C-alpha atoms as a PDB file:
ATOM      1  CA  MET A   1       0.000   0.000   0.000  1.00  0.00           C
ATOM      2  CA  LYS A   2       2.800   2.423   0.881  1.00  0.00           C
ATOM      3  CA  LEU A   3       4.507   1.734  -2.443  1.00  0.00           C
ATOM      4  CA  LEU A   4       1.327   2.233  -4.438  1.00  0.00           C
ATOM      5  CA  LEU A   5       0.467   5.415  -2.553  1.00  0.00           C
ATOM      6  CA  SER A   6       3.986   6.742  -3.088  1.00  0.00           C
ATOM      7  CA  LYS A   7       3.420   6.307  -6.837  1.00  0.00           C
ATOM      8  CA  GLY A   8       0.433   8.612  -6.675  1.00  0.00           C
ATOM      9  CA  VAL A   9      -2.480   6.205  -7.039  1.00  0.00           C
ATOM     10  CA  ASP A  10      -5.902   7.736  -6.386  1.00  0.00           C
ATOM     11  CA  VAL A  11      -6.797   7.091  -2.755  1.00  0.00           C
ATOM     12  CA  GLU A  12     -10.459   7.668  -3.671  1.00  0.00           C
ATOM     13  CA  SER A  13     -10.526   5.202  -6.580  1.00  0.00           C
ATOM     14  CA  GLU A  14     -13.776   3.261  -6.880  1.00  0.00           C
ATOM     15  CA  SER A  15     -14.409  -0.469  -7.117  1.00  0.00           C
ATOM     16  CA  ASP A  16     -17.647  -2.431  -7.004  1.00  0.00           C
ATOM     17  CA  ALA A  17     -17.398  -2.340  -3.201  1.00  0.00           C
ATOM     18  CA  GLY A  18     -16.441   1.325  -2.949  1.00  0.00           C
ATOM     19  CA  THR A  19     -13.221   3.149  -2.155  1.00  0.00           C
ATOM     20  CA  PRO A  20     -10.139   1.460  -0.644  1.00  0.00           C
ATOM     21  CA  LEU A  21     -11.172   2.923   2.723  1.00  0.00           C
ATOM     22  CA  VAL A  22     -14.613   1.282   2.533  1.00  0.00           C
ATOM     23  CA  TRP A  23     -12.935  -1.963   1.499  1.00  0.00           C
ATOM     24  CA  ALA A  24     -10.336  -1.852   4.296  1.00  0.00           C
ATOM     25  CA  ALA A  25     -12.956  -1.053   6.945  1.00  0.00           C
ATOM     26  CA  GLY A  26     -15.192  -3.845   5.697  1.00  0.00           C
ATOM     27  CA  HIS A  27     -12.364  -6.316   6.201  1.00  0.00           C
ATOM     28  CA  GLY A  28     -11.531  -4.992   9.664  1.00  0.00           C
ATOM     29  CA  ASN A  29      -8.042  -3.906   8.598  1.00  0.00           C
ATOM     30  CA  GLN A  30      -7.191  -1.140  11.075  1.00  0.00           C
ATOM     31  CA  ASP A  31      -3.653  -0.552   9.772  1.00  0.00           C
ATOM     32  CA  ALA A  32      -4.920  -0.089   6.227  1.00  0.00           C
ATOM     33  CA  VAL A  33      -7.635   2.304   7.435  1.00  0.00           C
ATOM     34  CA  LYS A  34      -5.056   4.393   9.326  1.00  0.00           C
ATOM     35  CA  LEU A  35      -2.697   4.525   6.344  1.00  0.00           C
ATOM     36  CA  LEU A  36      -5.421   5.563   3.931  1.00  0.00           C
ATOM     37  CA  LEU A  37      -6.625   8.307   6.263  1.00  0.00           C
ATOM     38  CA  GLN A  38      -3.049   9.539   6.611  1.00  0.00           C
ATOM     39  CA  HIS A  39      -3.068   9.909   2.818  1.00  0.00           C
ATOM     40  CA  ASN A  40      -6.215  12.043   2.933  1.00  0.00           C
ATOM     41  CA  ALA A  41      -8.843   9.398   2.259  1.00  0.00           C
ATOM     42  CA  LYS A  42     -12.244  10.955   2.952  1.00  0.00           C
ATOM     43  CA  PRO A  43     -13.987   9.154   5.836  1.00  0.00           C
ATOM     44  CA  ASN A  44     -17.510   9.997   4.625  1.00  0.00           C
ATOM     45  CA  THR A  45     -17.217   9.068   0.947  1.00  0.00           C
ATOM     46  CA  GLU A  46     -20.174   6.872  -0.094  1.00  0.00           C
ATOM     47  CA  ASN A  47     -20.137   4.100  -2.669  1.00  0.00           C
ATOM     48  CA  ASP A  48     -22.882   3.801  -5.281  1.00  0.00           C
ATOM     49  CA  ASP A  49     -25.158   2.221  -2.669  1.00  0.00           C
ATOM     50  CA  GLY A  50     -24.601   4.928  -0.063  1.00  0.00           C
ATOM     51  CA  VAL A  51     -22.311   2.785   2.100  1.00  0.00           C
ATOM     52  CA  THR A  52     -19.485   4.591   3.900  1.00  0.00           C
ATOM     53  CA  ALA A  53     -16.366   3.213   5.555  1.00  0.00           C
ATOM     54  CA  LEU A  54     -18.019   3.569   8.971  1.00  0.00           C
ATOM     55  CA  LEU A  55     -21.053   1.561   7.891  1.00  0.00           C
ATOM     56  CA  SER A  56     -18.752  -1.071   6.439  1.00  0.00           C
ATOM     57  CA  ALA A  57     -16.745  -1.258   9.670  1.00  0.00           C
ATOM     58  CA  VAL A  58     -19.927  -1.679  11.724  1.00  0.00           C
ATOM     59  CA  ALA A  59     -21.199  -4.390   9.372  1.00  0.00           C
ATOM     60  CA  ALA A  60     -17.868  -6.171   9.816  1.00  0.00           C
ATOM     61  CA  GLY A  61     -18.075  -5.755  13.598  1.00  0.00           C
ATOM     62  CA  SER A  62     -14.670  -4.043  13.663  1.00  0.00           C
ATOM     63  CA  LEU A  63     -14.441  -1.814  16.745  1.00  0.00           C
ATOM     64  CA  PRO A  64     -10.787  -0.792  16.063  1.00  0.00           C
ATOM     65  CA  CYS A  65     -11.658   0.461  12.563  1.00  0.00           C
ATOM     66  CA  LEU A  66     -14.769   2.178  13.867  1.00  0.00           C
ATOM     67  CA  GLU A  67     -12.799   4.076  16.526  1.00  0.00           C
ATOM     68  CA  VAL A  68     -10.213   5.244  13.993  1.00  0.00           C
ATOM     69  CA  LEU A  69     -12.897   6.414  11.564  1.00  0.00           C
ATOM     70  CA  ILE A  70     -14.840   8.309  14.235  1.00  0.00           C
ATOM     71  CA  GLU A  71     -11.657  10.057  15.319  1.00  0.00           C
ATOM     72  CA  ALA A  72     -11.165  11.064  11.672  1.00  0.00           C
ATOM     73  CA  GLY A  73     -14.629  12.618  11.530  1.00  0.00           C
ATOM     74  CA  ALA A  74     -16.795   9.827  10.115  1.00  0.00           C
ATOM     75  CA  ASN A  75     -20.521  10.468  10.498  1.00  0.00           C
ATOM     76  CA  PRO A  76     -22.101   7.999  12.977  1.00  0.00           C
ATOM     77  CA  ASN A  77     -25.604   8.898  11.756  1.00  0.00           C
ATOM     78  CA  VAL A  78     -25.148   8.188   8.053  1.00  0.00           C
ATOM     79  CA  LYS A  79     -28.066   6.265   6.573  1.00  0.00           C
ATOM     80  CA  ALA A  80     -27.670   3.755   3.761  1.00  0.00           C
ATOM     81  CA  GLY A  81     -30.239   1.301   2.546  1.00  0.00           C
ATOM     82  CA  GLY A  82     -32.688   2.717   5.042  1.00  0.00           C
ATOM     83  CA  ALA A  83     -30.616   1.808   8.112  1.00  0.00           C
ATOM     84  CA  THR A  84     -28.128   3.650  10.327  1.00  0.00           C
ATOM     85  CA  PRO A  85     -24.939   2.184  11.820  1.00  0.00           C
ATOM     86  CA  LEU A  86     -26.765   1.885  15.150  1.00  0.00           C
ATOM     87  CA  HIS A  87     -29.460  -0.261  13.524  1.00  0.00           C
ATOM     88  CA  ILE A  88     -26.807  -2.572  12.104  1.00  0.00           C
ATOM     89  CA  ALA A  89     -25.000  -2.847  15.438  1.00  0.00           C
ATOM     90  CA  ALA A  90     -28.286  -3.467  17.269  1.00  0.00           C
ATOM     91  CA  ASP A  91     -29.105  -6.198  14.774  1.00  0.00           C
ATOM     92  CA  SER A  92     -25.835  -8.020  15.491  1.00  0.00           C
ATOM     93  CA  GLY A  93     -25.935  -7.269  19.217  1.00  0.00           C
ATOM     94  CA  ASN A  94     -22.352  -5.945  19.249  1.00  0.00           C
ATOM     95  CA  ILE A  95     -22.347  -4.091  22.573  1.00  0.00           C
ATOM     96  CA  GLU A  96     -18.942  -2.452  22.260  1.00  0.00           C
ATOM     97  CA  VAL A  97     -19.773  -1.134  18.796  1.00  0.00           C
ATOM     98  CA  ILE A  98     -23.128   0.189  20.076  1.00  0.00           C
ATOM     99  CA  LYS A  99     -21.384   1.963  22.965  1.00  0.00           C
ATOM    100  CA  CYS A 100     -18.821   3.464  20.609  1.00  0.00           C
ATOM    101  CA  LEU A 101     -21.506   4.774  18.265  1.00  0.00           C
ATOM    102  CA  LEU A 102     -23.557   6.252  21.108  1.00  0.00           C
ATOM    103  CA  LYS A 103     -20.485   7.972  22.527  1.00  0.00           C
ATOM    104  CA  ALA A 104     -19.834   9.442  19.071  1.00  0.00           C
ATOM    105  CA  GLY A 105     -23.348  10.875  18.921  1.00  0.00           C
ATOM    106  CA  ALA A 106     -25.375   8.216  17.128  1.00  0.00           C
ATOM    107  CA  ASP A 107     -29.092   8.940  17.490  1.00  0.00           C
ATOM    108  CA  PRO A 108     -30.999   6.025  19.098  1.00  0.00           C
ATOM    109  CA  ASN A 109     -34.338   7.550  18.050  1.00  0.00           C
ATOM    110  CA  THR A 110     -33.780   7.463  14.288  1.00  0.00           C
ATOM    111  CA  CYS A 111     -36.085   5.027  12.486  1.00  0.00           C
ATOM    112  CA  ASP A 112     -35.114   2.787   9.589  1.00  0.00           C
ATOM    113  CA  ASP A 113     -37.243   2.330   6.472  1.00  0.00           C
ATOM    114  CA  ASP A 114     -39.450  -0.122   8.379  1.00  0.00           C
ATOM    115  CA  GLU A 115     -40.121   2.600  10.986  1.00  0.00           C
ATOM    116  CA  LEU A 116     -38.135   0.688  13.608  1.00  0.00           C
ATOM    117  CA  LYS A 117     -35.746   2.241  16.098  1.00  0.00           C
ATOM    118  CA  PRO A 118     -32.475   0.481  16.980  1.00  0.00           C
ATOM    119  CA  VAL A 119     -33.905  -0.793  20.284  1.00  0.00           C
ATOM    120  CA  GLN A 120     -36.729  -2.478  18.372  1.00  0.00           C
ATOM    121  CA  VAL A 121     -34.249  -4.152  16.044  1.00  0.00           C
ATOM    122  CA  ALA A 122     -32.288  -5.410  19.057  1.00  0.00           C
ATOM    123  CA  ALA A 123     -35.515  -6.685  20.641  1.00  0.00           C
ATOM    124  CA  TRP A 124     -36.534  -8.467  17.434  1.00  0.00           C
ATOM    125  CA  ARG A 125     -33.187 -10.268  17.516  1.00  0.00           C
ATOM    126  CA  ASN A 126     -33.631 -10.949  21.253  1.00  0.00           C
ATOM    127  CA  ASN A 127     -30.315  -9.165  21.881  1.00  0.00           C
ATOM    128  CA  ARG A 128     -31.194  -8.465  25.496  1.00  0.00           C
ATOM    129  CA  GLU A 129     -27.979  -6.711  26.498  1.00  0.00           C
ATOM    130  CA  ALA A 130     -28.343  -4.338  23.544  1.00  0.00           C
ATOM    131  CA  VAL A 131     -31.952  -3.630  24.526  1.00  0.00           C
ATOM    132  CA  GLU A 132     -30.848  -2.861  28.104  1.00  0.00           C
ATOM    133  CA  LEU A 133     -28.294  -0.401  26.734  1.00  0.00           C
ATOM    134  CA  LEU A 134     -30.554   1.346  24.226  1.00  0.00           C
ATOM    135  CA  LEU A 135     -33.871   1.460  26.083  1.00  0.00           C
ATOM    136  CA  PRO A 136     -33.033   4.271  28.555  1.00  0.00           C
ATOM    137  CA  LEU A 137     -31.869   6.430  25.626  1.00  0.00           C
ATOM    138  CA  THR A 138     -34.936   5.796  23.471  1.00  0.00           C
ATOM    139  CA  SER A 139     -38.196   7.738  23.572  1.00  0.00           C
ATOM    140  CA  PRO A 140     -41.206   5.521  24.409  1.00  0.00           C
ATOM    141  CA  ILE A 141     -42.723   3.872  21.366  1.00  0.00           C
ATOM    142  CA  PRO A 142     -46.519   3.981  20.892  1.00  0.00           C
ATOM    143  CA  GLY A 143     -48.076   0.548  21.121  1.00  0.00           C
ATOM    144  CA  VAL A 144     -45.525  -0.895  23.554  1.00  0.00           C
ATOM    145  CA  SER A 145     -47.618  -1.280  26.691  1.00  0.00           C
ATOM    146  CA  ASN A 146     -44.753  -2.090  29.084  1.00  0.00           C
ATOM    147  CA  TRP A 147     -41.829   0.250  28.491  1.00  0.00           C
ATOM    148  CA  ASP A 148     -39.149  -1.967  29.957  1.00  0.00           C
ATOM    149  CA  VAL A 149     -36.717  -4.563  28.634  1.00  0.00           C
ATOM    150  CA  ASP A 150     -39.082  -7.521  28.927  1.00  0.00           C
ATOM    151  CA  GLY A 151     -41.992  -5.483  27.581  1.00  0.00           C
ATOM    152  CA  ILE A 152     -40.348  -4.416  24.341  1.00  0.00           C
ATOM    153  CA  ILE A 153     -38.834  -7.850  23.699  1.00  0.00           C
ATOM    154  CA  GLU A 154     -42.227  -9.460  24.201  1.00  0.00           C
ATOM    155  CA  HIS A 155     -43.772  -6.839  21.918  1.00  0.00           C
ATOM    156  CA  MET A 156     -41.259  -7.383  19.110  1.00  0.00           C
ATOM    157  CA  LEU A 157     -40.757 -11.140  19.167  1.00  0.00           C
ATOM    158  CA  PRO A 158     -43.097 -13.234  17.006  1.00  0.00           C
ATOM    159  CA  LYS A 159     -45.397 -15.643  18.802  1.00  0.00           C
ATOM    160  CA  GLU A 160     -43.546 -18.633  17.452  1.00  0.00           C
ATOM    161  CA  TYR A 161     -40.207 -17.389  18.857  1.00  0.00           C
ATOM    162  CA  GLU A 162     -39.493 -20.511  20.894  1.00  0.00           C
ATOM    163  CA  GLU A 163     -40.158 -22.662  17.857  1.00  0.00           C
ATOM    164  CA  LYS A 164     -38.007 -20.341  15.748  1.00  0.00           C
ATOM    165  CA  SER A 165     -35.098 -20.642  18.175  1.00  0.00           C
ATOM    166  CA  GLN A 166     -35.286 -24.409  17.995  1.00  0.00           C
ATOM    167  CA  LEU A 167     -35.347 -24.281  14.213  1.00  0.00           C
ATOM    168  CA  LYS A 168     -32.369 -21.950  14.125  1.00  0.00           C
ATOM    169  CA  GLU A 169     -30.381 -24.343  16.283  1.00  0.00           C
ATOM    170  CA  ALA A 170     -31.411 -27.267  14.094  1.00  0.00           C
ATOM    171  CA  ALA A 171     -30.456 -25.342  10.964  1.00  0.00           C
ATOM    172  CA  SER A 172     -26.691 -25.663  11.483  1.00  0.00           C
ATOM    173  CA  LEU A 173     -26.571 -28.348   8.828  1.00  0.00           C
ATOM    174  CA  LYS A 174     -23.375 -30.168   7.964  1.00  0.00           C
ATOM    175  CA  SER A 175     -22.470 -31.587   4.575  1.00  0.00           C
ATOM    176  CA  GLY A 176     -23.663 -35.150   4.184  1.00  0.00           C
ATOM    177  CA  LEU A 177     -25.994 -34.891   7.180  1.00  0.00           C
ATOM    178  CA  THR A 178     -29.724 -35.239   6.557  1.00  0.00           C
ATOM    179  CA  GLN A 179     -32.100 -33.548   8.979  1.00  0.00           C
ATOM    180  CA  THR A 180     -35.837 -33.050   8.857  1.00  0.00           C
ATOM    181  CA  ILE A 181     -37.000 -29.616   9.940  1.00  0.00           C
ATOM    182  CA  GLU A 182     -40.673 -28.877  10.242  1.00  0.00           C
ATOM    183  CA  VAL A 183     -41.686 -25.263   9.816  1.00  0.00           C
ATOM    184  CA  SER A 184     -45.142 -24.065  10.787  1.00  0.00           C
ATOM    185  CA  SER A 185     -47.347 -22.556   8.103  1.00  0.00           C
ATOM    186  CA  GLU A 186     -47.351 -19.249   9.994  1.00  0.00           C
ATOM    187  CA  ALA A 187     -43.542 -19.194  10.121  1.00  0.00           C
ATOM    188  CA  LYS A 188     -43.371 -19.954   6.383  1.00  0.00           C
ATOM    189  CA  LYS A 189     -45.809 -17.149   5.661  1.00  0.00           C
ATOM    190  CA  ARG A 190     -43.815 -14.629   7.724  1.00  0.00           C
ATOM    191  CA  SER A 191     -40.595 -15.875   6.127  1.00  0.00           C
ATOM    192  CA  LEU A 192     -41.970 -15.287   2.625  1.00  0.00           C
ATOM    193  CA  GLU A 193     -43.068 -11.784   3.638  1.00  0.00           C
ATOM    194  CA  ALA A 194     -39.561 -11.015   4.926  1.00  0.00           C
ATOM    195  CA  LYS A 195     -38.027 -12.499   1.769  1.00  0.00           C
ATOM    196  CA  SER A 196     -40.243 -10.275  -0.358  1.00  0.00           C
ATOM    197  CA  ARG A 197     -39.036  -7.215   1.575  1.00  0.00           C
ATOM    198  CA  GLY A 198     -35.481  -8.364   0.994  1.00  0.00           C
ATOM    199  CA  ASP A 199     -36.088  -8.768  -2.735  1.00  0.00           C
ATOM    200  CA  ASP A 200     -37.541  -5.253  -2.937  1.00  0.00           C
ATOM    201  CA  ALA A 201     -34.553  -3.813  -1.053  1.00  0.00           C
ATOM    202  CA  PHE A 202     -32.133  -5.689  -3.302  1.00  0.00           C
ATOM    203  CA  ARG A 203     -33.760  -4.229  -6.430  1.00  0.00           C
ATOM    204  CA  ARG A 204     -33.257  -0.781  -4.876  1.00  0.00           C
ATOM    205  CA  LYS A 205     -29.626  -1.728  -4.199  1.00  0.00           C
ATOM    206  CA  ASP A 206     -30.302  -1.310  -0.469  1.00  0.00           C
ATOM    207  CA  TYR A 207     -28.130  -4.318   0.317  1.00  0.00           C
ATOM    208  CA  LEU A 208     -27.889  -3.875   4.088  1.00  0.00           C
ATOM    209  CA  VAL A 209     -31.671  -3.585   4.389  1.00  0.00           C
ATOM    210  CA  ALA A 210     -31.983  -6.658   2.175  1.00  0.00           C
ATOM    211  CA  VAL A 211     -29.565  -8.566   4.422  1.00  0.00           C
ATOM    212  CA  ASP A 212     -31.684  -7.687   7.444  1.00  0.00           C
ATOM    213  CA  ALA A 213     -34.877  -8.882   5.755  1.00  0.00           C
ATOM    214  CA  TYR A 214     -33.269 -12.102   4.514  1.00  0.00           C
ATOM    215  CA  THR A 215     -31.915 -12.749   8.003  1.00  0.00           C
ATOM    216  CA  GLN A 216     -35.438 -12.521   9.394  1.00  0.00           C
ATOM    217  CA  ALA A 217     -36.640 -14.852   6.645  1.00  0.00           C
ATOM    218  CA  THR A 218     -34.007 -17.522   7.272  1.00  0.00           C
ATOM    219  CA  GLU A 219     -34.558 -17.440  11.020  1.00  0.00           C
ATOM    220  CA  LEU A 220     -38.248 -18.093  10.472  1.00  0.00           C
ATOM    221  CA  ASP A 221     -37.647 -20.774   7.836  1.00  0.00           C
ATOM    222  CA  PRO A 222     -34.104 -22.175   7.903  1.00  0.00           C
ATOM    223  CA  THR A 223     -34.988 -24.725   5.197  1.00  0.00           C
ATOM    224  CA  ASP A 224     -35.180 -22.163   2.373  1.00  0.00           C
ATOM    225  CA  ALA A 225     -31.860 -22.235   0.518  1.00  0.00           C
ATOM    226  CA  THR A 226     -32.863 -19.417  -1.845  1.00  0.00           C
ATOM    227  CA  VAL A 227     -32.843 -16.947   1.043  1.00  0.00           C
ATOM    228  CA  LEU A 228     -29.249 -17.888   1.895  1.00  0.00           C
ATOM    229  CA  SER A 229     -28.327 -17.565  -1.785  1.00  0.00           C
ATOM    230  CA  ASN A 230     -29.864 -14.100  -1.938  1.00  0.00           C
ATOM    231  CA  ARG A 231     -28.187 -12.972   1.272  1.00  0.00           C
ATOM    232  CA  SER A 232     -24.852 -14.292   0.005  1.00  0.00           C
ATOM    233  CA  LEU A 233     -25.208 -12.087  -3.069  1.00  0.00           C
ATOM    234  CA  CYS A 234     -26.049  -9.071  -0.902  1.00  0.00           C
ATOM    235  CA  TRP A 235     -22.951  -9.612   1.225  1.00  0.00           C
ATOM    236  CA  LEU A 236     -20.948  -9.907  -1.996  1.00  0.00           C
ATOM    237  CA  ARG A 237     -22.296  -6.592  -3.311  1.00  0.00           C
ATOM    238  CA  ALA A 238     -21.468  -4.983   0.053  1.00  0.00           C
ATOM    239  CA  GLY A 239     -17.871  -6.237  -0.165  1.00  0.00           C
ATOM    240  CA  GLN A 240     -18.281  -8.704   2.712  1.00  0.00           C
ATOM    241  CA  ALA A 241     -16.770 -11.748   0.987  1.00  0.00           C
ATOM    242  CA  GLU A 242     -16.299 -13.879   4.108  1.00  0.00           C
ATOM    243  CA  ARG A 243     -19.963 -13.531   5.041  1.00  0.00           C
ATOM    244  CA  ALA A 244     -20.962 -14.199   1.443  1.00  0.00           C
ATOM    245  CA  LEU A 245     -18.922 -17.393   1.536  1.00  0.00           C
ATOM    246  CA  GLU A 246     -20.476 -18.498   4.825  1.00  0.00           C
ATOM    247  CA  ASP A 247     -23.976 -18.133   3.401  1.00  0.00           C
ATOM    248  CA  ALA A 248     -23.010 -19.843   0.142  1.00  0.00           C
ATOM    249  CA  LYS A 249     -21.674 -22.857   2.014  1.00  0.00           C
ATOM    250  CA  ALA A 250     -24.813 -23.038   4.156  1.00  0.00           C
ATOM    251  CA  CYS A 251     -26.875 -22.831   0.980  1.00  0.00           C
ATOM    252  CA  ARG A 252     -24.938 -25.728  -0.571  1.00  0.00           C
ATOM    253  CA  ALA A 253     -25.409 -27.765   2.595  1.00  0.00           C
ATOM    254  CA  LEU A 254     -29.161 -27.377   2.202  1.00  0.00           C
ATOM    255  CA  ARG A 255     -29.167 -27.977  -1.567  1.00  0.00           C
ATOM    256  CA  PRO A 256     -25.964 -29.727  -2.658  1.00  0.00           C
ATOM    257  CA  ASP A 257     -27.403 -30.370  -6.132  1.00  0.00           C
ATOM    258  CA  TRP A 258     -28.169 -26.692  -6.876  1.00  0.00           C
ATOM    259  CA  ALA A 259     -25.789 -25.140  -9.404  1.00  0.00           C
ATOM    260  CA  LYS A 260     -26.528 -21.587  -8.251  1.00  0.00           C
ATOM    261  CA  ALA A 261     -25.226 -22.435  -4.775  1.00  0.00           C
ATOM    262  CA  CYS A 262     -21.952 -23.512  -6.399  1.00  0.00           C
ATOM    263  CA  TYR A 263     -21.853 -20.227  -8.299  1.00  0.00           C
ATOM    264  CA  ARG A 264     -22.370 -18.223  -5.100  1.00  0.00           C
ATOM    265  CA  GLU A 265     -19.520 -20.067  -3.377  1.00  0.00           C
ATOM    266  CA  GLY A 266     -17.237 -19.578  -6.353  1.00  0.00           C
ATOM    267  CA  ALA A 267     -18.001 -15.852  -6.535  1.00  0.00           C
ATOM    268  CA  ALA A 268     -17.152 -15.402  -2.843  1.00  0.00           C
ATOM    269  CA  HIS A 269     -13.882 -17.306  -3.211  1.00  0.00           C
ATOM    270  CA  ARG A 270     -12.971 -15.204  -6.221  1.00  0.00           C
ATOM    271  CA  LEU A 271     -13.548 -11.933  -4.344  1.00  0.00           C
ATOM    272  CA  LEU A 272     -11.223 -13.321  -1.665  1.00  0.00           C
ATOM    273  CA  GLN A 273      -8.685 -14.084  -4.452  1.00  0.00           C
ATOM    274  CA  ARG A 274      -8.848 -17.797  -3.682  1.00  0.00           C
ATOM    275  CA  PHE A 275      -8.870 -18.644  -7.353  1.00  0.00           C
ATOM    276  CA  GLU A 276      -8.318 -22.382  -7.072  1.00  0.00           C
ATOM    277  CA  GLU A 277     -11.225 -22.775  -4.653  1.00  0.00           C
ATOM    278  CA  ALA A 278     -13.340 -20.526  -6.903  1.00  0.00           C
ATOM    279  CA  ALA A 279     -12.557 -22.645  -9.955  1.00  0.00           C
ATOM    280  CA  ASN A 280     -13.394 -25.828  -8.047  1.00  0.00           C
ATOM    281  CA  ALA A 281     -16.765 -24.469  -6.935  1.00  0.00           C
ATOM    282  CA  PHE A 282     -17.608 -23.249 -10.433  1.00  0.00           C
ATOM    283  CA  TYR A 283     -16.564 -26.591 -11.908  1.00  0.00           C
ATOM    284  CA  GLU A 284     -18.822 -28.483  -9.493  1.00  0.00           C
ATOM    285  CA  GLY A 285     -21.640 -26.259 -10.703  1.00  0.00           C
ATOM    286  CA  VAL A 286     -20.768 -27.011 -14.334  1.00  0.00           C
ATOM    287  CA  GLN A 287     -20.966 -30.722 -13.566  1.00  0.00           C
ATOM    288  CA  LEU A 288     -24.519 -30.162 -12.318  1.00  0.00           C
ATOM    289  CA  GLU A 289     -25.505 -27.941 -15.268  1.00  0.00           C
ATOM    290  CA  PRO A 290     -23.105 -28.495 -18.208  1.00  0.00           C
ATOM    291  CA  GLU A 291     -25.095 -26.114 -20.448  1.00  0.00           C
ATOM    292  CA  ASN A 292     -24.931 -23.216 -17.980  1.00  0.00           C
ATOM    293  CA  THR A 293     -22.746 -20.736 -19.885  1.00  0.00           C
ATOM    294  CA  GLU A 294     -22.503 -18.377 -16.900  1.00  0.00           C
ATOM    295  CA  LEU A 295     -20.890 -21.126 -14.815  1.00  0.00           C
ATOM    296  CA  VAL A 296     -18.661 -22.279 -17.676  1.00  0.00           C
ATOM    297  CA  ASN A 297     -17.407 -18.720 -18.248  1.00  0.00           C
ATOM    298  CA  ALA A 298     -16.926 -18.140 -14.520  1.00  0.00           C
ATOM    299  CA  PHE A 299     -14.879 -21.352 -14.292  1.00  0.00           C
ATOM    300  CA  ARG A 300     -12.619 -20.282 -17.176  1.00  0.00           C
ATOM    301  CA  GLU A 301     -12.259 -16.744 -15.830  1.00  0.00           C
ATOM    302  CA  ALA A 302     -11.295 -18.056 -12.379  1.00  0.00           C
ATOM    303  CA  ILE A 303      -8.556 -20.196 -13.923  1.00  0.00           C
ATOM    304  CA  GLU A 304      -7.327 -17.266 -16.016  1.00  0.00           C
ATOM    305  CA  ALA A 305      -7.369 -14.915 -13.007  1.00  0.00           C
ATOM    306  CA  GLY A 306      -5.440 -17.468 -10.955  1.00  0.00           C
ATOM    307  CA  ARG A 307      -2.785 -17.797 -13.618  1.00  0.00           C
ATOM    308  CA  LYS A 308      -2.355 -14.032 -13.851  1.00  0.00           C
ATOM    309  CA  PHE A 309      -2.324 -13.694 -10.077  1.00  0.00           C
ATOM    310  CA  HIS A 310       0.457 -16.249  -9.748  1.00  0.00           C
ATOM    311  CA  GLY A 311       2.347 -15.008 -12.801  1.00  0.00           C
ATOM    312  CA  VAL A 312       1.749 -18.125 -14.876  1.00  0.00           C
ATOM    313  CA  ASN A 313       1.597 -17.734 -18.647  1.00  0.00           C
ATOM    314  CA  THR A 314      -1.733 -18.611 -20.213  1.00  0.00           C
ATOM    315  CA  PRO A 315      -1.584 -21.342 -22.864  1.00  0.00           C
ATOM    316  CA  ASN A 316      -2.591 -20.260 -26.362  1.00  0.00           C
ATOM    317  CA  SER A 317      -4.985 -23.157 -26.774  1.00  0.00           C
ATOM    318  CA  THR A 318      -8.289 -23.398 -24.946  1.00  0.00           C
ATOM    319  CA  GLN A 319      -8.338 -26.413 -22.651  1.00  0.00           C
END
């Protein structure tokens, strides 16, 4: 990085995931964030989807990057995809990140596009410690009869929460392991509604909002592989390759014979520059759907990218 910066490369150059600062923050790389800021990277630059480095750091759960960015003047109340950093932190239940944001002036009374405050998001996720932290700072919400920790959690959690928790635990599927998961008709209905919200957010390129909706959907119905596939793509578009890979692998565990799941895994590996693993995943997809030109091209491109990356000459003939 120092060498490239010394040669005058544009510190604000754009990629699909945003500027180098957004990328570094999203990977939790504190040293890279510091170096880029020292070279006048702008802490509040947004990518095409409105995501800033601070939002990316919060999504990655990186407190060190978050602290550096706040010190550099990053806005803790930026809103992208209908959600603020505090909503994202409340969703994950990251207490230290929530405390850091509040100390920096994050507003706990801002609503997301679903008209939910961060404390409601934390309650929906049953992140009790986050609710305890946010509740005293939040103005009472109409419709919540008991304005205390238990009251808002009870208000936000769906009736089938206990069943949902059991399903979530049962959903940690392993390759080669067959499990039967029964999902109530009500849970399936609510899952489809959440999935629809995620699809709408994805079409608007509101990837973080889409991730939130897909997370709700998969918690309600952990048997739906398409939700994991969709969330994997959202993570990919947000530059969160590791999370995209995690969802892709979970998707393949649910549907090992689905070519799209192979494609999702390959795409995540490629973003991580693991070209051999990407090629293997794409090839497994090609074996499932030999006529799928998108998979065939992705397989060839992964091989070509791997050769270039490792400085290997490409043969003239097509293998």
